[in-house]
Protein backbone atom coordinates (compact mmCIF):
# COMPACT_ATOMS: atom_id res chain seq x y z
CA MET A 1 41.79 -1.10 -41.22
CA ALA A 2 43.21 -2.19 -37.99
CA ASN A 3 42.97 0.26 -34.93
CA SER A 4 46.35 1.97 -34.49
CA CYS A 5 45.62 2.44 -30.47
CA SER A 6 48.28 0.46 -28.49
CA PRO A 7 46.39 -2.24 -26.72
CA PRO A 8 47.03 -2.48 -22.79
CA ASP A 9 50.18 -4.82 -22.81
CA THR A 10 51.61 -3.06 -25.69
CA LEU A 11 51.17 0.38 -23.65
CA ASP A 12 52.72 -1.41 -20.65
CA ASP A 13 55.80 -2.65 -22.37
CA PHE A 14 56.10 1.13 -23.55
CA VAL A 15 55.72 2.67 -20.33
CA ARG A 16 58.28 0.05 -18.89
CA ALA A 17 61.13 0.68 -21.12
CA LEU A 18 60.46 4.65 -21.09
CA PRO A 19 63.37 6.59 -19.81
CA LEU A 20 62.65 8.38 -16.70
CA LYS A 21 63.60 11.86 -18.25
CA LYS A 22 60.73 11.64 -20.20
CA ILE A 23 58.33 11.86 -17.14
CA PRO A 24 57.13 15.62 -16.57
CA GLY A 25 59.32 17.06 -13.80
CA VAL A 26 62.39 14.87 -14.18
CA GLY A 27 64.94 17.27 -15.09
CA LYS A 28 68.68 16.57 -15.53
CA VAL A 29 69.26 17.02 -11.78
CA THR A 30 66.83 14.27 -11.00
CA GLN A 31 67.85 12.40 -13.46
CA ALA A 32 71.33 12.35 -12.07
CA LYS A 33 69.95 11.54 -8.80
CA LEU A 34 67.91 8.52 -10.25
CA ALA A 35 70.77 7.28 -12.14
CA LYS A 36 72.99 7.13 -8.86
CA PHE A 37 70.44 4.56 -7.81
CA GLY A 38 70.46 2.78 -10.94
CA LEU A 39 67.10 4.10 -11.90
CA ILE A 40 66.98 4.64 -15.61
CA THR A 41 63.60 3.58 -16.87
CA CYS A 42 60.39 3.25 -15.50
CA GLN A 43 60.68 -0.52 -15.14
CA ASP A 44 63.56 0.49 -12.86
CA ILE A 45 61.27 2.32 -10.73
CA ARG A 46 58.86 -0.19 -10.62
CA ASP A 47 61.43 -2.96 -9.12
CA PHE A 48 62.88 -0.40 -6.75
CA GLY A 49 59.69 -0.18 -4.83
CA GLU A 50 57.59 2.75 -3.77
CA ALA A 51 59.00 2.68 -0.11
CA ALA A 52 62.58 2.93 -1.16
CA LEU A 53 61.84 5.54 -3.65
CA SER A 54 59.89 7.55 -0.45
CA GLN A 55 63.06 7.15 1.44
CA HIS A 56 65.45 9.00 -1.03
CA PHE A 57 63.00 11.24 -3.09
CA GLY A 58 60.31 12.00 -0.27
CA SER A 59 57.27 13.35 -1.74
CA PHE A 60 57.98 13.35 -5.28
CA ALA A 61 58.33 9.63 -5.44
CA ASN A 62 54.80 9.36 -5.49
CA HIS A 63 54.74 11.05 -8.60
CA LEU A 64 57.41 9.01 -10.15
CA PHE A 65 55.95 5.82 -8.90
CA GLN A 66 52.60 6.56 -10.41
CA ARG A 67 53.97 7.46 -13.52
CA ALA A 68 56.24 4.18 -13.60
CA TRP A 69 53.23 2.54 -13.46
CA GLY A 70 51.44 4.41 -16.28
CA ALA A 71 49.10 6.72 -14.20
CA ARG A 72 47.76 9.00 -17.00
CA SER A 73 47.99 12.62 -16.65
CA LYS A 74 47.50 15.39 -19.57
CA ALA A 75 51.15 15.53 -19.74
CA PHE A 76 51.73 11.67 -20.03
CA ASP A 77 48.73 10.77 -22.23
CA HIS A 78 49.75 8.07 -25.00
CA ARG A 79 47.03 9.38 -27.10
CA MET A 80 48.83 12.63 -27.63
CA ASP A 81 52.21 11.00 -29.08
CA PRO A 82 52.03 10.21 -32.62
CA LYS A 83 54.90 7.75 -32.21
CA ILE A 84 52.63 5.24 -30.32
CA GLY A 85 49.48 5.62 -32.53
CA GLN A 86 46.37 8.00 -32.59
CA CYS A 87 43.09 7.01 -31.25
């Protein structure tokens, strides 16, 4: 039986396409502010860049940037999402 865990490249593809509203701490207000800059997915954050993000979102930019690159936190652990696969 094949392992159902996501290999790193598949996980990265998942994170790239992840809507920013799925990141802990991004509510409706923050989502609207991000959308004004065309930031909808984690890939958009990656492309926008950390410096530009910091300029517009202050200290919260680091949190967004880290999550957009797949940095794990308990609330963002792919192993906890049954849609991705169980390890």
